[in-house]
Protein backbone atom coordinates (compact mmCIF):
# COMPACT_ATOMS: atom_id res chain seq x y z
CA MET A 1 258.66 177.70 0.31
CA LYS A 2 262.08 177.67 -1.37
CA ALA A 3 264.85 175.27 -0.48
CA GLU A 4 268.55 174.93 -1.20
CA ILE A 5 270.60 171.76 -0.85
CA ILE A 6 274.22 172.31 0.18
CA ALA A 7 276.41 169.24 -0.26
CA VAL A 8 279.67 169.43 1.66
CA GLY A 9 282.76 167.48 0.66
CA THR A 10 285.86 168.02 -1.45
CA GLU A 11 285.44 164.49 -2.81
CA LEU A 12 282.25 165.66 -4.54
CA LEU A 13 284.09 168.49 -6.27
CA LEU A 14 286.80 166.10 -7.41
CA GLY A 15 284.22 163.74 -8.90
CA GLN A 16 285.24 160.88 -6.64
CA ILE A 17 281.67 160.51 -5.38
CA VAL A 18 278.42 161.06 -7.28
CA ASN A 19 275.97 163.34 -5.47
CA THR A 20 272.96 161.02 -5.40
CA ASN A 21 271.77 162.64 -2.15
CA ALA A 22 270.70 165.80 -3.99
CA GLN A 23 268.51 163.79 -6.36
CA TYR A 24 266.87 161.92 -3.49
CA LEU A 25 266.26 165.05 -1.40
CA SER A 26 264.89 167.03 -4.35
CA GLN A 27 262.35 164.32 -5.06
CA GLU A 28 261.39 163.99 -1.40
CA LEU A 29 261.01 167.74 -0.93
CA ALA A 30 258.93 168.05 -4.10
CA SER A 31 256.60 165.37 -2.77
CA ILE A 32 255.73 167.57 0.22
CA GLY A 33 255.41 170.79 -1.74
CA ILE A 34 258.85 172.36 -1.26
CA ASP A 35 260.63 173.60 -4.37
CA VAL A 36 264.41 173.20 -4.56
CA TYR A 37 265.65 176.35 -6.31
CA PHE A 38 269.38 175.82 -5.82
CA GLN A 39 271.90 173.02 -5.31
CA THR A 40 275.38 173.94 -4.08
CA VAL A 41 278.49 171.79 -3.68
CA VAL A 42 281.26 173.17 -1.50
CA GLY A 43 284.54 171.65 -0.36
CA ASP A 44 285.80 171.05 3.16
CA ASN A 45 286.78 174.67 3.75
CA VAL A 46 285.14 176.58 6.58
CA GLU A 47 285.41 180.00 4.91
CA ARG A 48 283.82 178.89 1.63
CA LEU A 49 281.21 176.86 3.50
CA SER A 50 280.32 179.90 5.61
CA GLN A 51 279.91 181.96 2.43
CA ALA A 52 277.60 179.31 0.99
CA ILE A 53 275.51 179.33 4.16
CA LYS A 54 275.13 183.12 4.13
CA LEU A 55 274.21 183.17 0.43
CA GLY A 56 271.76 180.30 0.86
CA SER A 57 270.09 182.07 3.79
CA GLU A 58 269.45 185.09 1.57
CA ARG A 59 267.76 183.18 -1.26
CA ALA A 60 266.05 180.20 0.38
CA ASP A 61 263.77 179.50 3.33
CA LEU A 62 265.07 176.00 4.02
CA LEU A 63 268.71 174.92 3.79
CA ILE A 64 269.50 171.22 3.86
CA PHE A 65 273.14 170.20 4.34
CA THR A 66 274.56 166.80 3.47
CA GLY A 67 277.96 165.59 4.68
CA GLY A 68 280.60 167.04 6.95
CA LEU A 69 279.24 165.57 10.20
CA GLY A 70 281.96 162.97 10.77
CA PRO A 71 284.78 162.73 13.33
CA THR A 72 287.68 164.30 11.46
CA GLN A 73 288.92 167.88 11.40
CA ASP A 74 287.65 168.44 7.87
CA ASP A 75 284.07 167.62 8.93
CA LEU A 76 283.08 171.24 9.36
CA THR A 77 279.35 171.55 8.69
CA LYS A 78 278.14 171.86 12.28
CA ASP A 79 280.96 174.27 13.16
CA ALA A 80 280.22 176.51 10.17
CA VAL A 81 276.44 176.60 10.61
CA ALA A 82 276.75 177.26 14.34
CA ALA A 83 279.22 180.09 13.70
CA VAL A 84 277.05 181.76 11.06
CA LEU A 85 274.02 181.57 13.36
CA GLY A 86 276.02 182.79 16.35
CA ARG A 87 275.38 179.65 18.38
CA SER A 88 277.56 177.23 20.30
CA LEU A 89 277.90 173.47 20.05
CA HIS A 90 277.34 170.92 22.80
CA ILE A 91 277.59 167.15 23.17
CA ASP A 92 274.21 165.49 22.73
CA ARG A 93 274.01 162.88 25.46
CA MET A 94 271.91 160.34 23.54
CA ALA A 95 274.21 160.52 20.53
CA MET A 96 277.28 160.12 22.75
CA ASP A 97 275.75 157.08 24.45
CA ASN A 98 275.12 155.57 21.03
CA ILE A 99 278.77 156.09 20.05
CA ASP A 100 279.98 154.59 23.35
CA ARG A 101 277.81 151.50 22.83
CA PHE A 102 279.11 151.12 19.29
CA PHE A 103 282.77 150.93 20.36
CA GLN A 104 282.10 148.87 23.48
CA GLY A 105 280.16 146.35 21.42
CA ARG A 106 283.14 145.88 19.14
CA GLY A 107 285.67 145.76 21.93
CA VAL A 108 287.83 148.55 20.53
CA PRO A 109 288.80 151.84 22.20
CA MET A 110 287.05 155.00 21.05
CA THR A 111 289.34 157.74 19.80
CA GLU A 112 288.62 161.20 21.17
CA ASN A 113 287.73 162.69 17.79
CA ASN A 114 284.61 160.52 17.64
CA ARG A 115 283.05 162.85 20.18
CA ARG A 116 282.65 165.33 17.32
CA GLN A 117 279.96 163.09 15.85
CA ALA A 118 277.80 163.75 18.93
CA LEU A 119 277.97 167.55 18.61
CA ALA A 120 274.66 169.39 18.31
CA ILE A 121 273.86 173.06 17.76
CA ASP A 122 272.50 174.91 20.81
CA GLY A 123 268.78 175.57 20.58
CA GLY A 124 268.29 173.09 17.75
CA THR A 125 266.75 169.64 17.58
CA PRO A 126 269.17 166.70 17.44
CA LEU A 127 268.19 164.14 14.77
CA PRO A 128 269.10 160.62 15.94
CA ASN A 129 271.10 158.49 13.52
CA GLU A 130 269.59 155.00 13.43
CA THR A 131 272.15 153.58 10.97
CA GLY A 132 275.35 155.45 11.86
CA LEU A 133 277.07 157.52 14.52
CA ALA A 134 276.88 161.19 13.48
CA VAL A 135 273.83 162.95 14.93
CA GLY A 136 271.93 165.31 12.63
CA ASN A 137 270.50 168.72 13.50
CA ALA A 138 267.43 170.82 12.74
CA VAL A 139 267.51 174.51 13.60
CA ALA A 140 265.03 177.37 13.19
CA GLU A 141 266.42 180.94 13.11
CA ASN A 142 264.47 184.12 12.23
CA GLY A 143 262.09 182.43 9.82
CA LYS A 144 264.83 180.34 8.21
CA PHE A 145 265.31 176.61 8.69
CA TYR A 146 268.52 174.56 8.65
CA ILE A 147 268.73 170.77 8.53
CA LEU A 148 272.08 168.96 8.79
CA LEU A 149 272.23 165.37 7.51
CA PRO A 150 275.10 162.87 7.21
CA GLY A 151 276.69 162.20 3.83
CA PRO A 152 276.42 158.40 3.41
CA PRO A 153 273.07 157.65 1.71
CA SER A 154 272.55 154.66 4.01
CA GLU A 155 272.46 157.13 6.92
CA LEU A 156 270.94 160.15 5.17
CA LYS A 157 267.81 158.47 3.79
CA PRO A 158 266.59 156.90 7.06
CA MET A 159 267.35 160.09 8.97
CA PHE A 160 265.45 162.23 6.48
CA GLU A 161 262.46 159.90 6.36
CA GLN A 162 262.23 159.20 10.11
CA GLN A 163 263.52 162.45 11.62
CA ALA A 164 263.89 165.38 9.23
CA LYS A 165 260.68 165.07 7.21
CA PRO A 166 258.42 164.97 10.31
CA TRP A 167 260.31 168.00 11.68
CA ILE A 168 259.76 169.88 8.40
CA LEU A 169 256.05 169.05 8.39
CA GLN A 170 255.72 170.23 11.99
CA HIS A 171 257.93 173.32 11.98
CA VAL A 172 258.31 174.49 8.38
CA LEU A 173 255.04 173.75 6.60
CA THR A 174 252.71 174.90 9.34
CA GLN A 175 250.75 177.26 7.06
CA GLU A 176 250.89 175.16 3.91
CA GLU A 177 248.12 172.93 2.59
CA PRO A 178 249.33 169.33 2.14
CA LEU A 179 250.63 168.37 -1.30
CA TYR A 180 249.16 165.27 -2.93
CA SER A 181 250.69 163.55 -5.95
CA LYS A 182 250.17 160.71 -8.38
CA MET A 183 252.95 159.04 -10.36
CA LEU A 184 252.23 157.84 -13.90
CA LYS A 185 254.77 155.61 -15.69
CA PHE A 186 255.07 155.31 -19.47
CA ALA A 187 257.08 153.07 -21.80
CA GLY A 188 257.56 152.87 -25.54
CA ILE A 189 257.59 156.65 -25.89
CA GLY A 190 260.25 159.31 -25.32
CA GLU A 191 259.94 162.46 -23.24
CA SER A 192 259.61 164.70 -26.30
CA GLY A 193 256.97 162.48 -27.87
CA LEU A 194 255.01 162.36 -24.65
CA GLU A 195 255.18 166.11 -24.20
CA THR A 196 253.91 166.64 -27.75
CA ARG A 197 250.82 164.55 -26.98
CA LEU A 198 250.24 166.53 -23.77
CA LEU A 199 251.43 169.95 -24.93
CA ASP A 200 248.22 171.83 -24.12
CA LEU A 201 248.16 170.36 -20.62
CA VAL A 202 251.82 171.26 -20.04
CA GLU A 203 251.47 174.83 -21.35
CA ASN A 204 248.16 175.65 -19.67
CA GLN A 205 248.65 173.89 -16.36
CA SER A 206 247.85 175.69 -13.16
CA ASP A 207 246.35 173.20 -10.74
CA PRO A 208 247.10 170.30 -10.71
CA THR A 209 250.66 170.72 -11.94
CA LEU A 210 252.27 168.26 -14.33
CA ALA A 211 256.00 167.48 -14.38
CA PRO A 212 257.69 164.87 -16.66
CA TYR A 213 260.91 163.06 -15.73
CA ALA A 214 262.80 160.90 -18.24
CA LYS A 215 264.86 157.80 -17.57
CA GLU A 216 266.33 155.41 -20.12
CA SER A 217 263.36 154.15 -22.20
CA GLU A 218 260.85 155.15 -19.52
CA VAL A 219 259.11 158.41 -18.69
CA THR A 220 257.50 159.39 -15.40
CA ILE A 221 254.87 162.09 -14.95
CA ARG A 222 254.13 163.46 -11.50
CA ILE A 223 250.80 165.25 -11.18
CA SER A 224 250.42 167.25 -7.97
CA THR A 225 247.93 169.46 -6.20
CA LYS A 226 247.47 171.09 -2.83
CA ALA A 227 244.18 170.57 -1.04
CA LYS A 228 242.66 170.64 2.42
CA THR A 229 241.59 166.98 2.25
CA GLN A 230 242.75 163.88 0.45
CA SER A 231 239.35 163.33 -1.17
CA GLU A 232 239.41 166.84 -2.63
CA ALA A 233 242.93 166.27 -3.96
CA MET A 234 242.12 162.86 -5.46
CA GLU A 235 239.13 164.27 -7.31
CA LYS A 236 241.37 166.80 -9.08
CA LEU A 237 244.21 164.35 -9.69
CA ASP A 238 241.95 161.61 -11.04
CA LYS A 239 240.37 163.98 -13.53
CA LEU A 240 243.77 164.94 -14.97
CA LYS A 241 244.98 161.34 -14.87
CA GLU A 242 242.01 160.17 -16.93
CA GLU A 243 242.68 162.86 -19.53
CA ILE A 244 246.33 161.80 -19.80
CA ALA A 245 245.40 158.11 -19.93
CA SER A 246 242.91 158.70 -22.74
CA ARG A 247 245.72 160.11 -24.90
CA LEU A 248 248.46 157.64 -23.95
CA SER A 249 246.70 154.38 -23.14
CA ASP A 250 249.20 152.39 -25.24
CA HIS A 251 252.07 153.67 -23.12
CA LEU A 252 250.72 154.15 -19.56
CA TYR A 253 251.69 150.98 -17.73
CA ALA A 254 251.51 151.96 -14.04
CA GLU A 255 250.13 154.56 -11.65
CA GLU A 256 253.05 154.25 -9.26
CA ASP A 257 256.81 154.66 -9.58
CA VAL A 258 257.76 151.12 -10.63
CA PRO A 259 259.73 149.76 -13.62
CA ILE A 260 257.78 148.07 -16.40
CA GLU A 261 259.25 144.68 -15.48
CA LYS A 262 257.47 144.92 -12.09
CA THR A 263 254.14 145.49 -13.83
CA ILE A 264 254.81 142.55 -16.16
CA VAL A 265 255.71 140.19 -13.31
CA ASP A 266 252.53 141.19 -11.46
CA MET A 267 250.35 140.69 -14.55
CA MET A 268 251.85 137.30 -15.36
CA THR A 269 251.73 136.12 -11.76
CA GLU A 270 248.04 136.99 -11.53
CA ARG A 271 247.30 135.00 -14.71
CA GLY A 272 249.65 132.11 -14.03
CA LEU A 273 251.79 132.82 -17.12
CA THR A 274 255.49 132.06 -17.63
CA VAL A 275 258.28 133.50 -19.78
CA SER A 276 261.77 132.61 -20.98
CA ALA A 277 264.38 134.52 -22.98
CA ALA A 278 267.20 134.08 -25.49
CA GLU A 279 269.65 136.98 -25.62
CA SER A 280 272.56 137.72 -27.89
CA CYS A 281 273.78 141.34 -27.89
CA THR A 282 272.24 142.15 -24.49
CA GLY A 283 274.10 139.29 -22.80
CA GLY A 284 271.47 138.56 -20.15
CA LEU A 285 270.38 142.13 -19.41
CA LEU A 286 266.73 141.33 -20.14
CA MET A 287 266.79 138.32 -17.85
CA GLN A 288 268.50 140.34 -15.13
CA SER A 289 265.82 143.03 -15.24
CA ILE A 290 263.02 140.48 -14.88
CA THR A 291 264.69 138.47 -12.12
CA SER A 292 265.49 141.63 -10.15
CA ILE A 293 261.79 141.77 -9.25
CA PRO A 294 260.79 139.90 -6.06
CA GLY A 295 258.43 137.04 -6.89
CA SER A 296 259.69 136.66 -10.47
CA ALA A 297 260.69 133.03 -9.85
CA THR A 298 257.15 131.86 -10.55
CA VAL A 299 257.11 133.79 -13.84
CA PHE A 300 260.61 133.55 -15.31
CA LEU A 301 261.61 129.89 -15.72
CA GLY A 302 264.96 130.28 -17.48
CA GLY A 303 266.87 131.58 -20.45
CA ILE A 304 269.95 131.30 -22.63
CA VAL A 305 272.67 133.82 -23.45
CA CYS A 306 273.58 132.84 -27.01
CA TYR A 307 276.28 135.37 -27.79
CA SER A 308 278.03 133.37 -30.49
CA ASN A 309 276.60 131.73 -33.58
CA ALA A 310 277.80 128.36 -32.29
CA MET A 311 275.63 128.73 -29.17
CA LYS A 312 272.67 129.79 -31.27
CA GLU A 313 273.04 126.57 -33.26
CA LYS A 314 273.87 124.15 -30.44
CA LEU A 315 271.54 125.40 -27.73
CA LEU A 316 268.67 126.96 -29.67
CA ASN A 317 268.66 124.96 -32.90
CA VAL A 318 269.06 127.94 -35.20
CA PRO A 319 269.80 126.47 -38.68
CA HIS A 320 273.40 126.95 -39.81
CA ASP A 321 272.20 128.13 -43.23
CA LEU A 322 270.30 130.94 -41.50
CA LEU A 323 273.42 132.22 -39.75
CA GLU A 324 276.26 131.61 -42.19
CA GLY A 325 276.74 131.98 -45.91
CA GLU A 326 276.84 134.71 -48.49
CA ASP A 327 273.08 134.95 -48.88
CA ALA A 328 272.15 134.02 -45.30
CA PRO A 329 270.08 136.57 -43.31
CA GLY A 330 272.66 136.27 -40.52
CA ALA A 331 272.49 136.34 -36.75
CA VAL A 332 271.21 139.91 -36.80
CA SER A 333 267.97 139.36 -38.68
CA ALA A 334 264.24 139.03 -38.25
CA GLU A 335 264.48 135.36 -39.18
CA THR A 336 266.97 134.60 -36.41
CA ALA A 337 265.02 136.61 -33.82
CA LYS A 338 261.92 134.56 -34.69
CA VAL A 339 263.67 131.21 -34.33
CA LEU A 340 265.32 132.24 -31.05
CA ALA A 341 262.02 133.29 -29.48
CA GLU A 342 260.20 130.16 -30.59
CA GLN A 343 262.97 127.76 -29.65
CA VAL A 344 263.58 129.14 -26.16
CA ARG A 345 259.84 129.05 -25.47
CA MET A 346 259.64 125.38 -26.49
CA ILE A 347 262.90 124.31 -24.79
CA VAL A 348 262.03 125.93 -21.45
CA ASP A 349 258.30 125.19 -21.94
CA THR A 350 256.88 128.63 -21.18
CA ASP A 351 253.89 130.64 -22.35
CA PHE A 352 256.11 133.36 -23.83
CA GLY A 353 259.56 133.27 -25.39
CA LEU A 354 261.53 136.51 -25.83
CA SER A 355 264.57 137.12 -28.01
CA ILE A 356 267.09 139.86 -28.74
CA THR A 357 269.77 139.83 -31.44
CA GLY A 358 271.58 142.87 -32.80
CA VAL A 359 274.66 145.04 -33.09
CA ALA A 360 275.40 146.95 -29.89
CA GLY A 361 278.72 148.26 -31.18
CA PRO A 362 281.17 149.73 -31.47
CA GLY A 363 281.88 148.65 -35.02
CA TYR A 364 279.83 146.89 -37.65
CA SER A 365 278.89 143.23 -37.47
CA GLU A 366 277.86 141.12 -40.47
CA ARG A 367 278.10 144.37 -42.45
CA LYS A 368 275.16 145.70 -40.45
CA PRO A 369 275.11 149.04 -38.64
CA VAL A 370 275.45 149.67 -34.94
CA GLY A 371 272.01 149.99 -33.37
CA LEU A 372 270.26 147.52 -35.68
CA VAL A 373 268.44 145.13 -33.34
CA TYR A 374 265.70 142.56 -33.82
CA ILE A 375 263.47 141.44 -30.97
CA GLY A 376 260.99 138.58 -30.96
CA ILE A 377 257.99 137.55 -28.84
CA SER A 378 256.62 134.03 -29.27
CA ARG A 379 253.29 133.08 -27.68
CA ARG A 380 252.28 129.52 -26.92
CA GLY A 381 249.47 128.67 -29.31
CA GLY A 382 249.85 131.96 -31.13
CA ASP A 383 251.99 133.83 -33.61
CA THR A 384 255.52 135.14 -33.18
CA ALA A 385 255.94 138.90 -33.49
CA VAL A 386 259.29 140.34 -34.59
CA PHE A 387 260.24 144.01 -34.43
CA GLU A 388 263.15 145.80 -36.08
CA LEU A 389 264.81 148.52 -33.99
CA ASN A 390 267.21 151.17 -35.25
CA LEU A 391 268.66 152.56 -32.05
CA LYS A 392 271.03 155.44 -31.40
CA GLY A 393 273.57 155.84 -28.63
CA ASN A 394 276.54 154.05 -27.16
CA ARG A 395 276.83 150.36 -26.41
CA ASP A 396 275.18 150.54 -22.98
CA THR A 397 272.33 152.69 -24.26
CA ILE A 398 271.57 150.32 -27.15
CA ARG A 399 271.56 147.29 -24.85
CA ILE A 400 269.28 148.94 -22.28
CA ARG A 401 266.86 150.23 -24.91
CA SER A 402 266.72 146.81 -26.56
CA ALA A 403 265.77 145.09 -23.30
CA LYS A 404 263.24 147.78 -22.37
CA THR A 405 261.63 147.63 -25.81
CA VAL A 406 261.07 143.88 -25.53
CA LEU A 407 259.43 144.44 -22.16
CA TYR A 408 257.24 147.18 -23.60
CA HIS A 409 255.95 144.95 -26.40
CA LEU A 410 255.39 142.08 -23.97
CA TRP A 411 253.38 144.42 -21.73
CA LYS A 412 251.29 145.55 -24.72
CA GLN A 413 250.51 141.97 -25.64
CA LEU A 414 249.55 141.10 -22.07
CA LYS A 415 247.33 144.17 -21.94
CA THR A 416 245.65 143.28 -25.25
CA GLU A 417 245.01 139.71 -24.09
CA ALA A 418 243.44 141.01 -20.88
CA VAL A 419 241.07 143.27 -22.82
CA GLU A 420 240.10 140.51 -25.24
CA ALA A 421 239.50 138.09 -22.38
């Protein structure tokens, strides 16, 4: 089963909007065993859109359209698909009632062009829009399948999950065995390093399949198989998962698609542990990542952004002689990272204190190169570990990698403590 995603909108071609819908749909389709072979972006032009539809129908079994379902004259997706299929359009009564209620509830008159959002293709299945006004469509034609979804992600995602995906499972995948997948999340290792450790599995894979996906300082592996029953699928997936885990136990932090900070918050919550942080070059990025996780309030008790040397001295008691002077190690040093981690742990009174100090760039600082970062982890009743990082990339990349690396080393320490306990 081959699919093509056709995103409609001149604003996409102009770069005014990022096409996040294609990423979402590709992941969702892969999860049910449909391969996306092509992604097309076409402007609000009926002739070019019609050409894209005809070409897509020749090379794919399933075409999914995003955008072009609105009320204006340049919202042409339904018109173009209906014309290519030789079908007419009609007003879907339920969609029209929804639009009427929307305008009545706000006490404003409905302009006539809003009726376009209730148009549906004859012989197709209207897909109700629970979060917007434009109705979607699903159409089957001579062994080909067409799904029309709105452009705004807040409308597209609920419609796909609640309406389109069930329609695909019922009408498109009737002869296919279900696809089952497991997600494995890794930190502290890059995509190339991970692939090297798993090269034989990647090169010789047949069933289950193995696909890596890289994000900044994290790597995801999806292992997938088709099977008649869930128990049969899990037996195959678990066998491959155990083989991967045996090779990458120091990096595999979760068996679901979650960030490492979520795993850390869960581990610390379960054990009743707390953490604080002192950040210089990352300016609070580490604290933001931890506090973005629901339930982190019981784990993260507070922190300090100590961007300047004065704040390091006044708030975190870093000795002046450590920061200033011809022979001083300076703010960007292992010594300073150690003091920051220990002081913030004692000041906030937590089980762990984390620190980051470095040069995010651009430009040198204290005659030290961009990308030189020191991170510290102080444990109540234990030693303080300091790590030197030599990172590449722009300012944002260095800051993100610094924060993620601290989290990785904290996770490793939590994991080690759990094993020793």
